[in-house]
Amino acid sequence: MSDRDLGPLSPRGAALDLLEAVLRRGRTLDNAIPDHPGFAGLDGRDRAFARLLTATTLRRLGQIDAVIDAALERPLPRKTQGVRDILRLGTVQLLFLETPPHAAVATAVDMAQARKHGPHKKLVNAVLRRLGREGRALAEAQDAARLNTPDWLWEAWVKAHGEPTCRRIAEAHLSEAPLDITVKEDATRWAKELDARILPTGNLRQPPGGTVTDLPGFGEGAWWVQDAAAALPVNLLGDIKGRRVIDLCAAPGGKTAQLANRGAVVTAVDRSEKRLARLSENLGRLGLTAELIAADAVTWRPSQLAEMVLVDAPCSATGTIRRHPDVARLKKPDDVAKLAGVQDRLLTAALEMTAPGGTVVYCSCSLQPQEGPERIEPLIGAGGAARRDPVKPTEVGGMKELISAEGDLRTLPCHLPEQGGMDGFYAARLIKA
């Protein structure tokens, strides 16, 4: 397929559609891709390019818009957002994806014509040609970390973690996340098979790119994809072989698989039957079993109290921006406030499901304190429903830096910098009073 073929099945055309779906219709990239009528018809290489093009544009959006504005003689009217999106895709190719300038400019001009922005073809051509000459120097002079981080997130992270750590977090978001893998057994063997490194957490890590289903061991169910940070909360339950564990908000099932693989008797609860079906498929591929229940975890109760409950709470997912750059563009402060109420109700339900002296592990893939320690503090202390059981370094691969002053798990995207970082995650272990 020619790069200049900008019909519905071109990778650049698909990227333009996906960008519009995220920025104007509030769709997540992971949801927009399967709903795109032409995406599945692209070959594997073109699908990968379309996704990379869209994700990198979202990852570098602040920088991209700043250099476009610098190259414009006058601001673009709001009604020409489609033209700006075409300029964004051209700019990201010129500055961050090593696309030959003639290809980036020519395909953008052709796309303007194909998408009924013909009156703006000359503008698209002029702006991108200018950025082909001057854009790299402009980008190198930018504060990339700050420009690509929405104000509300930057301010929240400075308050929670201090400005130096906030900057390191934002810098970590500029790179595509590697592929992390949890193996059922024999990590050393699969590290060799997959040409991967073994992290201190025990996970395997590969560079980003490629097709997961084509990798050795996927078809035979030897492993599953799971960020190194996301794999840590299950460690806080200790020895779970033969013990009953309830996994709330379980889908898509990475933690369910961990629990089952370690010999727990697992009840996985999720309100979405569609997501549970995917979980069931994943467990089937892995040869693992769990009881699956479609129910609202806030109101559902087990027939008998559990020894252990894991709550992987719905959250703003700001800890996953390096892996899902659309999160930074879609989430707002109000989302954090609304989700805090859901998290409180889930914590209350989890404690009600747990026998006295039993363990509740609460976790969220968020960097916001409102979705982490601020949800825990009201439950502990004198007369509280639970007490905190501090995390031990041995439970997190010996990495003391992943344990907060209060004794909770707190991973940041800037942890493991030499190995490619990790998702931001919070987890607290509670013992029911």
Protein backbone atom coordinates (compact mmCIF):
# COMPACT_ATOMS: atom_id res chain seq x y z
CA MET A 1 0.00 0.00 0.00
CA SER A 2 1.36 3.37 -0.98
CA ASP A 3 2.03 6.00 1.66
CA ARG A 4 0.14 8.40 -0.56
CA ASP A 5 -2.95 6.22 -0.59
CA LEU A 6 -5.04 8.02 1.96
CA GLY A 7 -8.24 6.07 1.57
CA PRO A 8 -10.07 4.48 4.49
CA LEU A 9 -7.54 1.64 4.72
CA SER A 10 -4.38 3.77 4.90
CA PRO A 11 -2.47 3.81 8.23
CA ARG A 12 -2.31 7.60 8.27
CA GLY A 13 -6.03 7.85 7.55
CA ALA A 14 -6.73 5.43 10.40
CA ALA A 15 -4.47 7.45 12.71
CA LEU A 16 -6.37 10.63 11.85
CA ASP A 17 -9.66 8.95 12.70
CA LEU A 18 -8.29 7.58 15.98
CA LEU A 19 -6.90 10.94 17.00
CA GLU A 20 -10.28 12.56 16.38
CA ALA A 21 -12.03 9.80 18.37
CA VAL A 22 -9.79 10.45 21.40
CA LEU A 23 -9.56 14.24 21.34
CA ARG A 24 -13.06 15.16 20.17
CA ARG A 25 -15.24 12.23 21.20
CA GLY A 26 -13.49 11.24 24.42
CA ARG A 27 -12.85 7.63 23.38
CA THR A 28 -9.93 5.69 24.76
CA LEU A 29 -7.48 4.55 22.13
CA ASP A 30 -7.98 0.91 23.11
CA ASN A 31 -11.73 1.25 22.53
CA ALA A 32 -11.47 3.36 19.39
CA ILE A 33 -9.21 0.91 17.54
CA PRO A 34 -11.57 -2.10 17.44
CA ASP A 35 -14.48 0.18 16.51
CA HIS A 36 -12.65 1.68 13.52
CA PRO A 37 -14.18 0.20 10.35
CA GLY A 38 -10.92 -0.04 8.45
CA PHE A 39 -8.30 -0.75 11.11
CA ALA A 40 -8.65 -4.54 11.11
CA GLY A 41 -8.22 -4.51 7.31
CA LEU A 42 -4.72 -3.08 7.55
CA ASP A 43 -1.81 -5.50 7.50
CA GLY A 44 0.16 -6.00 10.71
CA ARG A 45 2.87 -3.49 9.84
CA ASP A 46 0.35 -0.78 8.93
CA ARG A 47 -1.71 -1.41 12.10
CA ALA A 48 1.42 -1.02 14.21
CA PHE A 49 2.36 2.20 12.39
CA ALA A 50 -1.14 3.68 12.77
CA ARG A 51 -1.14 2.94 16.49
CA LEU A 52 2.40 4.27 16.96
CA LEU A 53 1.52 7.43 15.04
CA THR A 54 -1.57 8.08 17.14
CA ALA A 55 0.02 7.20 20.48
CA THR A 56 3.13 9.31 19.86
CA THR A 57 0.97 12.27 18.85
CA LEU A 58 -0.96 11.97 22.12
CA ARG A 59 2.28 11.46 24.09
CA ARG A 60 3.90 14.59 22.59
CA LEU A 61 0.76 16.68 22.06
CA GLY A 62 1.90 19.68 24.07
CA GLN A 63 5.17 19.94 22.18
CA ILE A 64 3.50 19.36 18.82
CA ASP A 65 0.89 22.08 19.32
CA ALA A 66 3.54 24.53 20.51
CA VAL A 67 5.72 24.12 17.39
CA ILE A 68 2.67 24.27 15.10
CA ASP A 69 1.56 27.52 16.75
CA ALA A 70 5.08 28.91 16.33
CA ALA A 71 4.97 28.14 12.61
CA LEU A 72 1.52 29.68 12.01
CA GLU A 73 1.18 33.32 11.00
CA ARG A 74 -2.23 33.45 12.71
CA PRO A 75 -4.10 31.01 15.00
CA LEU A 76 -6.22 28.31 13.40
CA PRO A 77 -9.96 28.81 13.91
CA ARG A 78 -11.60 26.28 16.24
CA LYS A 79 -13.74 25.01 13.37
CA THR A 80 -10.60 23.77 11.61
CA GLN A 81 -9.61 21.18 14.22
CA GLY A 82 -9.40 18.59 11.46
CA VAL A 83 -6.65 20.65 9.82
CA ARG A 84 -4.80 20.88 13.11
CA ASP A 85 -5.00 17.09 13.48
CA ILE A 86 -3.45 16.66 10.02
CA LEU A 87 -0.70 19.09 11.00
CA ARG A 88 -0.19 17.16 14.25
CA LEU A 89 0.31 13.87 12.40
CA GLY A 90 2.70 15.48 9.96
CA THR A 91 4.65 17.15 12.76
CA VAL A 92 5.05 14.00 14.83
CA GLN A 93 6.46 12.22 11.80
CA LEU A 94 8.91 15.02 11.09
CA LEU A 95 10.14 15.51 14.65
CA PHE A 96 9.76 12.21 16.49
CA LEU A 97 9.33 9.28 14.09
CA GLU A 98 12.18 9.85 11.61
CA THR A 99 9.80 9.88 8.63
CA PRO A 100 11.43 11.36 5.48
CA PRO A 101 10.25 14.98 5.20
CA HIS A 102 8.94 14.61 1.67
CA ALA A 103 6.71 11.68 2.76
CA ALA A 104 5.41 13.45 5.87
CA VAL A 105 4.57 16.63 3.94
CA ALA A 106 3.15 15.00 0.79
CA THR A 107 0.85 12.61 2.67
CA ALA A 108 -0.41 15.42 4.90
CA VAL A 109 -1.25 17.61 1.89
CA ASP A 110 -3.00 14.68 0.19
CA MET A 111 -4.91 13.95 3.39
CA ALA A 112 -6.12 17.56 3.58
CA GLN A 113 -7.54 17.17 0.08
CA ALA A 114 -9.06 13.73 0.78
CA ARG A 115 -10.71 14.88 4.01
CA LYS A 116 -12.32 17.93 2.39
CA HIS A 117 -9.82 20.46 3.73
CA GLY A 118 -8.66 21.41 0.24
CA PRO A 119 -8.73 25.19 0.92
CA HIS A 120 -6.08 24.60 3.61
CA LYS A 121 -3.68 22.50 1.47
CA LYS A 122 -1.28 25.39 0.96
CA LEU A 123 -1.26 26.15 4.68
CA VAL A 124 -0.55 22.50 5.56
CA ASN A 125 2.25 22.41 3.00
CA ALA A 126 3.81 25.68 4.19
CA VAL A 127 3.66 24.89 7.91
CA LEU A 128 5.12 21.40 7.57
CA ARG A 129 7.86 22.50 5.17
CA ARG A 130 8.83 25.17 7.68
CA LEU A 131 8.84 22.63 10.51
CA GLY A 132 10.92 20.31 8.36
CA ARG A 133 13.56 23.05 8.34
CA GLU A 134 13.16 24.55 11.81
CA GLY A 135 11.11 22.09 13.85
CA ARG A 136 13.89 20.02 15.39
CA ALA A 137 15.64 23.08 16.77
CA LEU A 138 12.34 24.31 18.21
CA ALA A 139 11.64 20.92 19.81
CA GLU A 140 15.11 20.65 21.32
CA ALA A 141 14.62 24.01 23.05
CA GLN A 142 11.29 22.96 24.61
CA ASP A 143 10.65 21.78 28.16
CA ALA A 144 9.18 18.51 26.91
CA ALA A 145 8.22 17.12 30.31
CA ARG A 146 6.24 20.21 31.26
CA LEU A 147 4.63 20.87 27.88
CA ASN A 148 3.29 17.34 27.54
CA THR A 149 1.77 17.22 31.03
CA PRO A 150 -1.64 18.85 31.60
CA ASP A 151 -1.53 21.58 34.24
CA TRP A 152 -3.78 19.82 36.75
CA LEU A 153 -1.64 16.69 36.71
CA TRP A 154 1.63 18.59 37.00
CA GLU A 155 0.33 20.59 39.96
CA ALA A 156 -1.04 17.48 41.69
CA TRP A 157 2.23 15.55 41.27
CA VAL A 158 4.33 18.46 42.49
CA LYS A 159 2.16 18.65 45.60
CA ALA A 160 2.25 14.89 46.19
CA HIS A 161 5.82 14.04 45.24
CA GLY A 162 7.79 17.30 44.93
CA GLU A 163 8.86 19.01 41.71
CA PRO A 164 12.02 16.94 41.04
CA THR A 165 10.07 13.66 41.24
CA CYS A 166 7.17 15.16 39.27
CA ARG A 167 9.61 16.03 36.50
CA ARG A 168 11.08 12.53 36.48
CA ILE A 169 7.57 11.08 36.23
CA ALA A 170 6.74 13.35 33.29
CA GLU A 171 10.03 12.52 31.57
CA ALA A 172 9.29 8.80 31.92
CA HIS A 173 6.00 9.37 30.07
CA LEU A 174 7.90 10.52 26.97
CA SER A 175 9.05 7.01 26.09
CA GLU A 176 6.95 4.09 24.89
CA ALA A 177 6.56 1.47 27.60
CA PRO A 178 8.30 -1.90 27.18
CA LEU A 179 6.47 -5.23 27.15
CA ASP A 180 6.32 -6.87 30.60
CA ILE A 181 5.47 -10.53 30.99
CA THR A 182 4.47 -12.71 33.95
CA VAL A 183 5.40 -16.36 33.47
CA LYS A 184 3.63 -19.33 35.02
CA GLU A 185 6.95 -20.95 35.88
CA ASP A 186 10.64 -21.13 34.93
CA ALA A 187 11.37 -17.45 34.32
CA THR A 188 14.98 -18.26 33.39
CA ARG A 189 13.91 -20.55 30.54
CA TRP A 190 11.43 -18.08 29.13
CA ALA A 191 13.86 -15.19 29.43
CA LYS A 192 16.11 -17.12 27.03
CA GLU A 193 13.23 -18.13 24.75
CA LEU A 194 11.97 -14.56 24.52
CA ASP A 195 15.35 -12.83 24.62
CA ALA A 196 14.08 -10.88 27.61
CA ARG A 197 15.63 -9.63 30.85
CA ILE A 198 14.44 -10.68 34.29
CA LEU A 199 13.44 -7.72 36.46
CA PRO A 200 13.93 -7.59 40.25
CA THR A 201 10.15 -8.15 40.50
CA GLY A 202 10.50 -11.50 38.70
CA ASN A 203 8.74 -10.28 35.55
CA LEU A 204 10.32 -10.54 32.13
CA ARG A 205 10.83 -7.42 30.00
CA GLN A 206 11.13 -6.98 26.26
CA PRO A 207 11.51 -3.80 24.18
CA PRO A 208 8.23 -2.34 22.85
CA GLY A 209 6.93 -3.30 19.43
CA GLY A 210 6.02 -6.54 17.71
CA THR A 211 2.93 -8.70 17.96
CA VAL A 212 2.38 -10.35 21.33
CA THR A 213 0.50 -13.36 19.95
CA ASP A 214 3.43 -14.25 17.69
CA LEU A 215 5.90 -14.61 20.58
CA PRO A 216 7.05 -18.06 21.76
CA GLY A 217 4.94 -19.47 24.57
CA PHE A 218 1.86 -17.32 24.05
CA GLY A 219 -0.18 -19.98 22.27
CA GLU A 220 0.74 -22.65 24.79
CA GLY A 221 -0.27 -20.43 27.71
CA ALA A 222 3.17 -20.12 29.31
CA TRP A 223 2.78 -16.45 30.22
CA TRP A 224 0.62 -13.34 30.08
CA VAL A 225 1.26 -9.63 29.62
CA GLN A 226 1.30 -7.63 32.86
CA ASP A 227 3.24 -4.54 33.88
CA ALA A 228 5.86 -5.20 36.56
CA ALA A 229 4.14 -2.80 38.98
CA ALA A 230 0.71 -4.35 38.41
CA ALA A 231 2.10 -7.74 39.40
CA LEU A 232 3.26 -6.59 42.86
CA PRO A 233 -0.03 -6.28 44.84
CA VAL A 234 -0.65 -10.05 44.75
CA ASN A 235 2.70 -10.50 46.53
CA LEU A 236 1.21 -8.73 49.54
CA LEU A 237 -1.14 -11.67 50.16
CA GLY A 238 1.80 -13.96 50.96
CA ASP A 239 1.41 -17.74 50.71
CA ILE A 240 -2.02 -18.27 49.18
CA LYS A 241 -1.81 -21.91 48.10
CA GLY A 242 -5.09 -23.61 48.95
CA ARG A 243 -6.53 -20.46 50.48
CA ARG A 244 -9.73 -18.74 49.39
CA VAL A 245 -9.21 -15.32 47.80
CA ILE A 246 -11.86 -12.99 46.39
CA ASP A 247 -10.68 -10.79 43.51
CA LEU A 248 -12.92 -7.73 43.12
CA CYS A 249 -13.07 -5.78 39.83
CA ALA A 250 -11.10 -8.69 38.43
CA ALA A 251 -11.21 -8.23 34.65
CA PRO A 252 -9.21 -8.38 32.43
CA GLY A 253 -7.61 -10.85 34.83
CA GLY A 254 -3.86 -10.40 35.23
CA LYS A 255 -4.11 -10.59 39.01
CA THR A 256 -6.70 -13.39 38.81
CA ALA A 257 -4.18 -15.40 36.80
CA GLN A 258 -1.48 -14.71 39.37
CA LEU A 259 -3.73 -15.88 42.21
CA ALA A 260 -4.79 -19.04 40.40
CA ASN A 261 -1.23 -19.81 39.31
CA ARG A 262 -0.09 -19.63 42.93
CA GLY A 263 -2.67 -22.19 43.98
CA ALA A 264 -5.38 -19.99 45.48
CA VAL A 265 -9.07 -20.88 45.32
CA VAL A 266 -10.16 -17.76 43.46
CA THR A 267 -13.54 -16.09 43.13
CA ALA A 268 -13.26 -13.34 40.51
CA VAL A 269 -16.01 -10.71 40.57
CA ASP A 270 -16.61 -8.08 37.88
CA ARG A 271 -19.72 -6.18 36.86
CA SER A 272 -19.00 -6.50 33.12
CA GLU A 273 -20.00 -9.80 31.53
CA LYS A 274 -18.07 -8.84 28.40
CA ARG A 275 -14.87 -8.29 30.38
CA LEU A 276 -15.44 -11.53 32.31
CA ALA A 277 -15.73 -13.38 28.99
CA ARG A 278 -12.31 -12.03 28.06
CA LEU A 279 -10.99 -13.09 31.48
CA SER A 280 -12.38 -16.57 30.91
CA GLU A 281 -10.64 -16.77 27.54
CA ASN A 282 -7.35 -15.70 29.11
CA LEU A 283 -7.63 -18.28 31.88
CA GLY A 284 -8.47 -20.94 29.30
CA ARG A 285 -5.35 -20.15 27.29
CA LEU A 286 -3.27 -20.30 30.48
CA GLY A 287 -4.84 -23.51 31.74
CA LEU A 288 -5.93 -21.85 34.99
CA THR A 289 -9.28 -21.91 36.78
CA ALA A 290 -11.31 -19.50 38.88
CA GLU A 291 -14.95 -19.02 39.81
CA LEU A 292 -16.24 -16.09 37.73
CA ILE A 293 -19.17 -14.00 38.98
CA ALA A 294 -20.80 -11.14 37.07
CA ALA A 295 -21.96 -8.75 39.79
CA ASP A 296 -21.50 -5.30 41.26
CA ALA A 297 -18.74 -5.78 43.82
CA VAL A 298 -20.22 -3.02 45.99
CA THR A 299 -23.43 -4.96 46.65
CA TRP A 300 -22.43 -8.61 46.05
CA ARG A 301 -21.55 -10.72 49.08
CA PRO A 302 -20.07 -14.24 49.29
CA SER A 303 -21.88 -17.12 51.01
CA GLN A 304 -19.09 -17.20 53.62
CA LEU A 305 -16.49 -14.71 54.76
CA ALA A 306 -13.17 -14.83 52.94
CA GLU A 307 -9.66 -15.06 54.33
CA MET A 308 -8.38 -12.60 51.76
CA VAL A 309 -9.84 -9.99 49.42
CA LEU A 310 -8.00 -8.15 46.65
CA VAL A 311 -9.54 -4.88 45.43
CA ASP A 312 -8.13 -3.61 42.11
CA ALA A 313 -10.22 -0.47 42.19
CA PRO A 314 -11.46 1.52 39.18
CA CYS A 315 -9.45 4.73 39.07
CA SER A 316 -8.22 7.55 36.86
CA ALA A 317 -5.35 5.30 35.65
CA THR A 318 -2.87 8.19 35.73
CA GLY A 319 -0.16 5.69 36.61
CA THR A 320 -0.46 4.13 33.15
CA ILE A 321 0.15 7.22 31.00
CA ARG A 322 3.47 5.87 29.65
CA ARG A 323 1.50 2.87 28.35
CA HIS A 324 -1.76 4.74 27.59
CA PRO A 325 -0.93 8.36 26.67
CA ASP A 326 -4.60 9.08 25.94
CA VAL A 327 -5.23 9.02 29.71
CA ALA A 328 -3.50 12.40 30.09
CA ARG A 329 -5.87 13.90 27.50
CA LEU A 330 -9.08 12.27 28.67
CA LYS A 331 -9.02 12.43 32.48
CA LYS A 332 -9.95 15.52 34.49
CA PRO A 333 -9.84 16.42 38.21
CA ASP A 334 -13.57 15.71 38.50
CA ASP A 335 -12.94 12.10 37.45
CA VAL A 336 -10.62 11.62 40.42
CA ALA A 337 -13.17 13.06 42.85
CA LYS A 338 -16.01 10.92 41.47
CA LEU A 339 -13.98 7.71 41.54
CA ALA A 340 -12.91 8.27 45.16
CA GLY A 341 -16.49 7.61 46.22
CA VAL A 342 -16.53 4.33 44.28
CA GLN A 343 -13.25 3.32 45.87
CA ASP A 344 -14.61 3.99 49.36
CA ARG A 345 -17.65 1.82 48.68
CA LEU A 346 -15.48 -0.99 47.35
CA LEU A 347 -13.22 -0.85 50.40
CA THR A 348 -16.21 -0.99 52.72
CA ALA A 349 -17.59 -3.97 50.79
CA ALA A 350 -14.22 -5.76 50.84
CA LEU A 351 -13.93 -5.43 54.60
CA GLU A 352 -17.48 -6.71 55.03
CA MET A 353 -16.57 -9.79 52.96
CA THR A 354 -13.48 -10.53 55.06
CA ALA A 355 -13.35 -12.56 58.25
CA PRO A 356 -11.91 -10.84 61.35
CA GLY A 357 -8.12 -11.00 61.18
CA GLY A 358 -8.29 -11.53 57.42
CA THR A 359 -6.40 -9.52 54.82
CA VAL A 360 -7.61 -6.89 52.37
CA VAL A 361 -5.22 -5.57 49.72
CA TYR A 362 -6.42 -2.37 48.05
CA CYS A 363 -4.66 -1.18 44.91
CA SER A 364 -5.07 1.34 42.10
CA CYS A 365 -3.03 2.26 39.03
CA SER A 366 -3.18 5.94 39.92
CA LEU A 367 -0.59 8.54 40.89
CA GLN A 368 -3.19 10.66 42.67
CA PRO A 369 -3.15 10.54 46.52
CA GLN A 370 -6.97 10.83 46.50
CA GLU A 371 -7.09 7.35 44.96
CA GLY A 372 -4.44 5.89 47.24
CA PRO A 373 -3.48 6.76 50.83
CA GLU A 374 -6.36 9.19 51.26
CA ARG A 375 -8.78 6.28 50.85
CA ILE A 376 -6.95 4.21 53.46
CA GLU A 377 -6.42 6.70 56.28
CA PRO A 378 -10.09 6.88 57.39
CA LEU A 379 -10.14 3.10 57.88
CA ILE A 380 -7.18 2.75 60.22
CA GLY A 381 -6.21 4.05 63.61
CA ALA A 382 -8.01 3.91 66.94
CA GLY A 383 -11.44 2.38 66.54
CA GLY A 384 -10.96 1.91 62.81
CA ALA A 385 -12.23 -0.99 60.72
CA ALA A 386 -8.70 -2.21 60.02
CA ARG A 387 -5.02 -1.75 60.73
CA ARG A 388 -2.24 -1.27 58.21
CA ASP A 389 0.19 -4.17 57.69
CA PRO A 390 3.33 -2.55 56.23
CA VAL A 391 4.89 -3.90 53.05
CA LYS A 392 8.26 -5.61 53.39
CA PRO A 393 11.15 -5.10 50.92
CA THR A 394 11.27 -8.85 50.28
CA GLU A 395 7.74 -8.62 48.90
CA VAL A 396 8.72 -6.09 46.22
CA GLY A 397 11.94 -7.54 44.86
CA GLY A 398 14.11 -5.91 47.52
CA MET A 399 13.37 -2.43 46.16
CA LYS A 400 12.93 -0.33 49.31
CA GLU A 401 12.25 2.73 47.17
CA LEU A 402 8.86 1.24 46.27
CA ILE A 403 7.66 1.44 49.89
CA SER A 404 6.21 4.70 51.20
CA ALA A 405 6.97 6.18 54.61
CA GLU A 406 3.60 4.81 55.81
CA GLY A 407 4.51 1.29 54.70
CA ASP A 408 2.40 1.10 51.54
CA LEU A 409 3.45 0.13 48.02
CA ARG A 410 4.00 3.18 45.83
CA THR A 411 5.59 2.68 42.42
CA LEU A 412 6.27 5.56 40.06
CA PRO A 413 6.93 5.64 36.30
CA CYS A 414 10.46 6.86 37.04
CA HIS A 415 11.34 3.76 39.08
CA LEU A 416 13.65 1.24 37.37
CA PRO A 417 14.85 4.02 35.02
CA GLU A 418 17.71 2.04 33.51
CA GLN A 419 15.34 -0.81 32.61
CA GLY A 420 12.57 1.33 31.11
CA GLY A 421 10.46 2.40 34.09
CA MET A 422 7.23 0.90 35.40
CA ASP A 423 3.60 1.89 35.82
CA GLY A 424 2.53 4.05 38.73
CA PHE A 425 0.75 1.88 41.29
CA TYR A 426 -0.46 2.14 44.86
CA ALA A 427 -1.31 -0.72 47.22
CA ALA A 428 -2.04 -0.98 50.91
CA ARG A 429 -2.41 -4.14 53.00
CA LEU A 430 -5.05 -4.03 55.72
CA ILE A 431 -5.88 -6.48 58.48
CA LYS A 432 -9.53 -6.44 59.44
CA ALA A 433 -10.20 -5.62 63.08
